[in-house]
PDB file of N, CA and C in Angstrom:
ATOM      1  N   MET A   1      92.119 136.568  97.373  1.00  0.00           N
ATOM      2  CA  MET A   1      93.617 136.326  97.052  1.00  0.00           C
ATOM      3  C   MET A   1      94.362 135.048  97.472  1.00  0.00           C
ATOM      4  N   ALA A   2      94.860 133.931  97.305  1.00  0.00           N
ATOM      5  CA  ALA A   2      95.851 132.567  97.950  1.00  0.00           C
ATOM      6  C   ALA A   2      97.226 133.310  98.576  1.00  0.00           C
ATOM      7  N   GLU A   3      97.677 132.790  99.342  1.00  0.00           N
ATOM      8  CA  GLU A   3      98.767 133.467  99.442  1.00  0.00           C
ATOM      9  C   GLU A   3      99.770 132.084  99.451  1.00  0.00           C
ATOM     10  N   GLU A   4     100.964 132.838  99.102  1.00  0.00           N
ATOM     11  CA  GLU A   4     101.754 132.124  98.658  1.00  0.00           C
ATOM     12  C   GLU A   4     103.131 131.847  99.437  1.00  0.00           C
ATOM     13  N   ALA A   5     103.290 130.711 100.035  1.00  0.00           N
ATOM     14  CA  ALA A   5     104.269 130.422 100.851  1.00  0.00           C
ATOM     15  C   ALA A   5     105.495 131.081 100.365  1.00  0.00           C
ATOM     16  N   SER A   6     106.460 131.703 100.921  1.00  0.00           N
ATOM     17  CA  SER A   6     107.817 131.762 100.343  1.00  0.00           C
ATOM     18  C   SER A   6     108.815 130.569 100.427  1.00  0.00           C
ATOM     19  N   PRO A   7     109.631 130.300  99.661  1.00  0.00           N
ATOM     20  CA  PRO A   7     111.048 128.846 100.136  1.00  0.00           C
ATOM     21  C   PRO A   7     111.223 128.879 100.977  1.00  0.00           C
ATOM     22  N   GLU A   8     111.422 130.252 101.535  1.00  0.00           N
ATOM     23  CA  GLU A   8     112.710 131.020 102.908  1.00  0.00           C
ATOM     24  C   GLU A   8     111.671 130.543 104.048  1.00  0.00           C
ATOM     25  N   LYS A   9     110.011 130.757 103.893  1.00  0.00           N
ATOM     26  CA  LYS A   9     109.240 130.543 105.207  1.00  0.00           C
ATOM     27  C   LYS A   9     109.326 129.093 105.194  1.00  0.00           C
ATOM     28  N   THR A  10     108.980 128.684 104.122  1.00  0.00           N
ATOM     29  CA  THR A  10     108.377 127.281 103.898  1.00  0.00           C
ATOM     30  C   THR A  10     109.737 126.326 104.608  1.00  0.00           C
ATOM     31  N   THR A  11     110.706 126.435 104.191  1.00  0.00           N
ATOM     32  CA  THR A  11     112.010 125.348 104.477  1.00  0.00           C
ATOM     33  C   THR A  11     111.940 125.970 106.229  1.00  0.00           C
ATOM     34  N   ALA A  12     111.992 126.775 106.504  1.00  0.00           N
ATOM     35  CA  ALA A  12     112.318 127.299 108.223  1.00  0.00           C
ATOM     36  C   ALA A  12     111.381 126.469 109.010  1.00  0.00           C
ATOM     37  N   GLU A  13     110.091 126.362 108.049  1.00  0.00           N
ATOM     38  CA  GLU A  13     108.359 126.255 109.128  1.00  0.00           C
ATOM     39  C   GLU A  13     109.017 124.649 109.118  1.00  0.00           C
ATOM     40  N   GLU A  14     109.270 124.033 107.922  1.00  0.00           N
ATOM     41  CA  GLU A  14     109.725 122.231 107.878  1.00  0.00           C
ATOM     42  C   GLU A  14     110.905 122.093 108.965  1.00  0.00           C
ATOM     43  N   SER A  15     111.688 122.631 109.415  1.00  0.00           N
ATOM     44  CA  SER A  15     113.172 122.753 110.424  1.00  0.00           C
ATOM     45  C   SER A  15     112.721 122.698 111.743  1.00  0.00           C
ATOM     46  N   PHE A  16     111.131 123.765 111.605  1.00  0.00           N
ATOM     47  CA  PHE A  16     110.810 124.006 113.342  1.00  0.00           C
ATOM     48  C   PHE A  16     109.791 122.961 113.060  1.00  0.00           C
ATOM     49  N   LEU A  17     109.108 122.117 112.470  1.00  0.00           N
ATOM     50  CA  LEU A  17     108.169 121.670 112.572  1.00  0.00           C
ATOM     51  C   LEU A  17     109.048 120.165 112.486  1.00  0.00           C
ATOM     52  N   SER A  18     110.886 119.597 112.649  1.00  0.00           N
ATOM     53  CA  SER A  18     110.708 118.479 112.309  1.00  0.00           C
ATOM     54  C   SER A  18     111.782 118.677 112.973  1.00  0.00           C
ATOM     55  N   GLN A  19     111.899 119.923 114.224  1.00  0.00           N
ATOM     56  CA  GLN A  19     112.892 119.570 115.293  1.00  0.00           C
ATOM     57  C   GLN A  19     112.427 119.157 116.338  1.00  0.00           C
ATOM     58  N   PRO A  20     111.096 118.878 116.833  1.00  0.00           N
ATOM     59  CA  PRO A  20     111.026 117.596 117.951  1.00  0.00           C
ATOM     60  C   PRO A  20     110.860 116.678 117.358  1.00  0.00           C
ATOM     61  N   ASN A  21     110.344 115.955 115.555  1.00  0.00           N
ATOM     62  CA  ASN A  21     110.085 114.850 115.433  1.00  0.00           C
ATOM     63  C   ASN A  21     111.848 114.588 115.883  1.00  0.00           C
ATOM     64  N   SER A  22     112.721 114.826 115.595  1.00  0.00           N
ATOM     65  CA  SER A  22     113.906 114.583 115.821  1.00  0.00           C
ATOM     66  C   SER A  22     114.428 113.806 117.133  1.00  0.00           C
ATOM     67  N   ASP A  23     113.562 115.135 117.496  1.00  0.00           N
ATOM     68  CA  ASP A  23     113.819 115.432 119.105  1.00  0.00           C
ATOM     69  C   ASP A  23     113.583 113.319 119.800  1.00  0.00           C
ATOM     70  N   ALA A  24     112.413 113.683 119.566  1.00  0.00           N
ATOM     71  CA  ALA A  24     111.238 112.695 119.708  1.00  0.00           C
ATOM     72  C   ALA A  24     111.625 111.546 119.065  1.00  0.00           C
ATOM     73  N   GLN A  25     112.192 111.091 117.910  1.00  0.00           N
ATOM     74  CA  GLN A  25     113.272 110.170 117.706  1.00  0.00           C
ATOM     75  C   GLN A  25     114.736 109.598 118.707  1.00  0.00           C
ATOM     76  N   GLY A  26     115.339 110.474 118.902  1.00  0.00           N
ATOM     77  CA  GLY A  26     116.485 110.661 119.423  1.00  0.00           C
ATOM     78  C   GLY A  26     115.468 110.275 120.742  1.00  0.00           C
ATOM     79  N   GLN A  27     115.421 110.407 120.982  1.00  0.00           N
ATOM     80  CA  GLN A  27     114.734 110.063 123.051  1.00  0.00           C
ATOM     81  C   GLN A  27     114.096 108.916 123.013  1.00  0.00           C
ATOM     82  N   LEU A  28     113.436 108.239 121.871  1.00  0.00           N
ATOM     83  CA  LEU A  28     113.321 106.888 121.449  1.00  0.00           C
ATOM     84  C   LEU A  28     113.817 106.119 121.278  1.00  0.00           C
ATOM     85  N   THR A  29     115.282 106.199 120.068  1.00  0.00           N
ATOM     86  CA  THR A  29     116.624 105.569 120.347  1.00  0.00           C
ATOM     87  C   THR A  29     117.240 104.990 121.078  1.00  0.00           C
ATOM     88  N   ALA A  30     117.135 106.414 122.399  1.00  0.00           N
ATOM     89  CA  ALA A  30     118.410 106.431 123.618  1.00  0.00           C
ATOM     90  C   ALA A  30     117.385 105.285 124.424  1.00  0.00           C
ATOM     91  N   ALA A  31     116.530 105.855 124.670  1.00  0.00           N
ATOM     92  CA  ALA A  31     115.981 104.414 125.013  1.00  0.00           C
ATOM     93  C   ALA A  31     115.132 103.341 125.058  1.00  0.00           C
ATOM     94  N   VAL A  32     115.658 102.959 123.797  1.00  0.00           N
ATOM     95  CA  VAL A  32     115.453 101.554 123.007  1.00  0.00           C
ATOM     96  C   VAL A  32     117.095 100.731 123.070  1.00  0.00           C
ATOM     97  N   ASP A  33     117.897 101.910 123.113  1.00  0.00           N
ATOM     98  CA  ASP A  33     119.237 101.221 123.787  1.00  0.00           C
ATOM     99  C   ASP A  33     119.147 101.048 124.915  1.00  0.00           C
ATOM    100  N   GLU A  34     119.650 102.019 125.929  1.00  0.00           N
ATOM    101  CA  GLU A  34     118.713 101.681 127.250  1.00  0.00           C
ATOM    102  C   GLU A  34     118.394 100.843 127.614  1.00  0.00           C
ATOM    103  N   LEU A  35     117.014  99.681 126.665  1.00  0.00           N
ATOM    104  CA  LEU A  35     116.471  98.808 127.036  1.00  0.00           C
ATOM    105  C   LEU A  35     117.218  97.421 126.779  1.00  0.00           C
ATOM    106  N   LEU A  36     117.829  97.458 125.762  1.00  0.00           N
ATOM    107  CA  LEU A  36     118.544  96.500 124.946  1.00  0.00           C
ATOM    108  C   LEU A  36     119.901  96.150 125.456  1.00  0.00           C
ATOM    109  N   ASP A  37     120.120  97.054 126.627  1.00  0.00           N
ATOM    110  CA  ASP A  37     121.520  97.227 126.844  1.00  0.00           C
ATOM    111  C   ASP A  37     120.876  96.555 128.473  1.00  0.00           C
ATOM    112  N   GLN A  38     120.068  96.673 129.075  1.00  0.00           N
ATOM    113  CA  GLN A  38     119.096  96.351 130.216  1.00  0.00           C
ATOM    114  C   GLN A  38     118.842  94.760 129.807  1.00  0.00           C
ATOM    115  N   LEU A  39     118.588  94.531 128.484  1.00  0.00           N
ATOM    116  CA  LEU A  39     118.525  93.196 128.368  1.00  0.00           C
ATOM    117  C   LEU A  39     119.313  92.220 128.170  1.00  0.00           C
ATOM    118  N   GLN A  40     120.917  92.951 127.933  1.00  0.00           N
ATOM    119  CA  GLN A  40     121.754  91.890 127.933  1.00  0.00           C
ATOM    120  C   GLN A  40     121.996  91.818 129.015  1.00  0.00           C
ATOM    121  N   SER A  41     122.363  92.507 129.930  1.00  0.00           N
ATOM    122  CA  SER A  41     123.234  92.613 131.265  1.00  0.00           C
ATOM    123  C   SER A  41     122.200  91.444 131.849  1.00  0.00           C
ATOM    124  N   LYS A  42     121.431  91.753 131.990  1.00  0.00           N
ATOM    125  CA  LYS A  42     119.769  90.174 132.145  1.00  0.00           C
ATOM    126  C   LYS A  42     120.467  89.016 132.048  1.00  0.00           C
ATOM    127  N   PHE A  43     120.631  89.349 130.550  1.00  0.00           N
ATOM    128  CA  PHE A  43     120.980  87.686 129.941  1.00  0.00           C
ATOM    129  C   PHE A  43     122.031  87.570 129.840  1.00  0.00           C
ATOM    130  N   ASP A  44     122.670  87.488 130.534  1.00  0.00           N
ATOM    131  CA  ASP A  44     124.183  88.018 131.094  1.00  0.00           C
ATOM    132  C   ASP A  44     124.128  87.228 132.564  1.00  0.00           C
ATOM    133  N   ASN A  45     123.884  88.037 133.139  1.00  0.00           N
ATOM    134  CA  ASN A  45     123.878  86.942 134.561  1.00  0.00           C
ATOM    135  C   ASN A  45     123.359  85.503 134.687  1.00  0.00           C
ATOM    136  N   VAL A  46     121.559  85.682 133.591  1.00  0.00           N
ATOM    137  CA  VAL A  46     121.270  84.814 133.873  1.00  0.00           C
ATOM    138  C   VAL A  46     122.362  83.761 133.165  1.00  0.00           C
ATOM    139  N   SER A  47     122.815  83.475 131.879  1.00  0.00           N
ATOM    140  CA  SER A  47     123.834  82.442 131.676  1.00  0.00           C
ATOM    141  C   SER A  47     124.855  82.714 132.472  1.00  0.00           C
ATOM    142  N   LYS A  48     124.897  83.270 133.174  1.00  0.00           N
ATOM    143  CA  LYS A  48     126.617  82.867 134.214  1.00  0.00           C
ATOM    144  C   LYS A  48     125.697  82.076 134.956  1.00  0.00           C
ATOM    145  N   GLU A  49     124.639  82.183 135.877  1.00  0.00           N
ATOM    146  CA  GLU A  49     124.113  81.490 136.906  1.00  0.00           C
ATOM    147  C   GLU A  49     123.667  80.177 136.352  1.00  0.00           C
ATOM    148  N   MET A  50     123.370  80.335 135.066  1.00  0.00           N
ATOM    149  CA  MET A  50     123.033  79.080 134.531  1.00  0.00           C
ATOM    150  C   MET A  50     124.701  77.802 134.646  1.00  0.00           C
ATOM    151  N   PHE A  51     125.237  79.113 133.669  1.00  0.00           N
ATOM    152  CA  PHE A  51     126.336  77.956 133.450  1.00  0.00           C
ATOM    153  C   PHE A  51     127.167  76.996 134.966  1.00  0.00           C
ATOM    154  N   GLY A  52     126.538  77.981 136.454  1.00  0.00           N
ATOM    155  CA  GLY A  52     127.200  78.065 137.207  1.00  0.00           C
ATOM    156  C   GLY A  52     126.698  76.581 137.483  1.00  0.00           C
ATOM    157  N   LYS A  53     125.307  76.575 137.816  1.00  0.00           N
ATOM    158  CA  LYS A  53     124.683  75.674 138.448  1.00  0.00           C
ATOM    159  C   LYS A  53     124.837  74.418 137.714  1.00  0.00           C
ATOM    160  N   LEU A  54     125.526  74.495 135.779  1.00  0.00           N
ATOM    161  CA  LEU A  54     125.503  73.318 135.443  1.00  0.00           C
ATOM    162  C   LEU A  54     126.848  72.753 135.833  1.00  0.00           C
ATOM    163  N   ASP A  55     127.811  73.413 136.113  1.00  0.00           N
ATOM    164  CA  ASP A  55     129.034  73.040 136.705  1.00  0.00           C
ATOM    165  C   ASP A  55     128.678  72.242 137.926  1.00  0.00           C
ATOM    166  N   ASP A  56     128.208  72.763 138.928  1.00  0.00           N
ATOM    167  CA  ASP A  56     127.770  72.324 140.202  1.00  0.00           C
ATOM    168  C   ASP A  56     127.216  71.088 139.787  1.00  0.00           C
ATOM    169  N   MET A  57     126.448  71.186 139.558  1.00  0.00           N
ATOM    170  CA  MET A  57     125.111  69.814 138.799  1.00  0.00           C
ATOM    171  C   MET A  57     126.199  68.843 137.940  1.00  0.00           C
ATOM    172  N   THR A  58     127.187  68.922 137.726  1.00  0.00           N
ATOM    173  CA  THR A  58     128.195  68.291 137.016  1.00  0.00           C
ATOM    174  C   THR A  58     128.972  67.747 137.681  1.00  0.00           C
ATOM    175  N   ARG A  59     129.730  67.854 138.769  1.00  0.00           N
ATOM    176  CA  ARG A  59     130.230  67.946 139.141  1.00  0.00           C
ATOM    177  C   ARG A  59     129.610  66.629 140.782  1.00  0.00           C
ATOM    178  N   ARG A  60     128.593  67.220 141.237  1.00  0.00           N
ATOM    179  CA  ARG A  60     127.774  66.446 141.831  1.00  0.00           C
ATOM    180  C   ARG A  60     127.716  65.062 141.171  1.00  0.00           C
ATOM    181  N   LEU A  61     127.174  65.129 140.172  1.00  0.00           N
ATOM    182  CA  LEU A  61     126.752  63.496 138.929  1.00  0.00           C
ATOM    183  C   LEU A  61     128.380  63.240 139.490  1.00  0.00           C
ATOM    184  N   ASP A  62     129.700  63.416 138.960  1.00  0.00           N
ATOM    185  CA  ASP A  62     130.910  63.087 139.304  1.00  0.00           C
ATOM    186  C   ASP A  62     131.299  62.730 140.255  1.00  0.00           C
ATOM    187  N   GLU A  63     130.561  62.826 141.644  1.00  0.00           N
ATOM    188  CA  GLU A  63     131.101  62.397 142.614  1.00  0.00           C
ATOM    189  C   GLU A  63     130.203  61.606 143.266  1.00  0.00           C
ATOM    190  N   LEU A  64     128.964  61.125 143.006  1.00  0.00           N
ATOM    191  CA  LEU A  64     127.883  60.586 142.966  1.00  0.00           C
ATOM    192  C   LEU A  64     128.242  59.140 141.913  1.00  0.00           C
ATOM    193  N   GLU A  65     128.173  59.643 141.073  1.00  0.00           N
ATOM    194  CA  GLU A  65     129.199  58.388 139.933  1.00  0.00           C
ATOM    195  C   GLU A  65     130.395  57.749 141.082  1.00  0.00           C
ATOM    196  N   ALA A  66     131.692  58.153 140.688  1.00  0.00           N
ATOM    197  CA  ALA A  66     133.051  57.750 142.467  1.00  0.00           C
ATOM    198  C   ALA A  66     132.195  57.469 143.327  1.00  0.00           C
ATOM    199  N   SER A  67     131.139  57.649 143.973  1.00  0.00           N
ATOM    200  CA  SER A  67     130.764  57.188 144.872  1.00  0.00           C
ATOM    201  C   SER A  67     129.788  55.572 144.735  1.00  0.00           C
ATOM    202  N   LEU A  68     129.155  55.404 143.859  1.00  0.00           N
ATOM    203  CA  LEU A  68     128.802  54.249 143.738  1.00  0.00           C
ATOM    204  C   LEU A  68     129.931  52.995 143.039  1.00  0.00           C
ATOM    205  N   THR A  69     131.097  53.692 142.116  1.00  0.00           N
ATOM    206  CA  THR A  69     131.856  52.810 141.572  1.00  0.00           C
ATOM    207  C   THR A  69     132.123  52.605 142.903  1.00  0.00           C
ATOM    208  N   ALA A  70     132.886  53.068 143.795  1.00  0.00           N
ATOM    209  CA  ALA A  70     133.426  52.834 144.619  1.00  0.00           C
ATOM    210  C   ALA A  70     132.745  51.610 145.551  1.00  0.00           C
ATOM    211  N   SER A  71     131.469  52.253 145.768  1.00  0.00           N
ATOM    212  CA  SER A  71     130.373  51.009 146.301  1.00  0.00           C
ATOM    213  C   SER A  71     129.743  49.956 146.031  1.00  0.00           C
ATOM    214  N   GLY A  72     130.434  49.656 144.357  1.00  0.00           N
ATOM    215  CA  GLY A  72     130.035  48.721 143.871  1.00  0.00           C
ATOM    216  C   GLY A  72     131.170  47.638 143.798  1.00  0.00           C
ATOM    217  N   THR A  73     132.281  48.564 144.342  1.00  0.00           N
ATOM    218  CA  THR A  73     133.806  47.739 143.765  1.00  0.00           C
ATOM    219  C   THR A  73     134.015  46.945 144.872  1.00  0.00           C
ATOM    220  N   GLU A  74     133.652  47.733 145.958  1.00  0.00           N
ATOM    221  CA  GLU A  74     133.775  46.993 147.737  1.00  0.00           C
ATOM    222  C   GLU A  74     132.444  46.314 147.939  1.00  0.00           C
ATOM    223  N   SER A  75     131.460  46.297 147.522  1.00  0.00           N
ATOM    224  CA  SER A  75     130.478  45.003 147.876  1.00  0.00           C
ATOM    225  C   SER A  75     130.633  43.858 146.770  1.00  0.00           C
ATOM    226  N   ALA A  76     131.604  44.252 145.723  1.00  0.00           N
ATOM    227  CA  ALA A  76     131.777  42.838 145.118  1.00  0.00           C
ATOM    228  C   ALA A  76     133.358  41.977 145.662  1.00  0.00           C
ATOM    229  N   SER A  77     133.857  42.954 146.422  1.00  0.00           N
ATOM    230  CA  SER A  77     135.069  42.335 146.847  1.00  0.00           C
ATOM    231  C   SER A  77     134.550  41.886 148.331  1.00  0.00           C
ATOM    232  N   ALA A  78     133.413  42.161 149.188  1.00  0.00           N
ATOM    233  CA  ALA A  78     133.279  41.677 150.516  1.00  0.00           C
ATOM    234  C   ALA A  78     132.441  40.826 150.044  1.00  0.00           C
ATOM    235  N   THR A  79     131.857  40.477 149.107  1.00  0.00           N
ATOM    236  CA  THR A  79     130.657  39.244 148.857  1.00  0.00           C
ATOM    237  C   THR A  79     132.117  37.879 148.593  1.00  0.00           C
ATOM    238  N   PRO A  80     131.504  36.971 149.800  1.00  0.00           N
ATOM    239  CA  PRO A  80     131.615  35.917 149.690  1.00  0.00           C
ATOM    240  C   PRO A  80     131.716  34.982 148.766  1.00  0.00           C
ATOM    241  N   THR A  81     132.815  34.262 147.932  1.00  0.00           N
ATOM    242  CA  THR A  81     132.935  33.420 146.887  1.00  0.00           C
ATOM    243  C   THR A  81     132.397  31.865 147.646  1.00  0.00           C
ATOM    244  N   GLN A  82     131.794  31.474 146.360  1.00  0.00           N
ATOM    245  CA  GLN A  82     131.184  30.191 147.319  1.00  0.00           C
ATOM    246  C   GLN A  82     131.814  28.893 145.889  1.00  0.00           C
TER     247      GLN A  82
END
């Protein structure tokens, strides 16, 4: 004769079997959240560094442009007219 599982036993078994699965899902979710947080932090740091370097490059280009303009003005006024 085949044994029939009682509904109570089946529910208890399903609960027991699903427990490790939900625990594993929770751990996976926590690991993925932590990884995403780390990536976001690294992305923020790289963005700040890039914007800082772009600002520095802009300042240096402005200084170079001003220097070239001043140099061109000086050379134009220093050239004798014939």
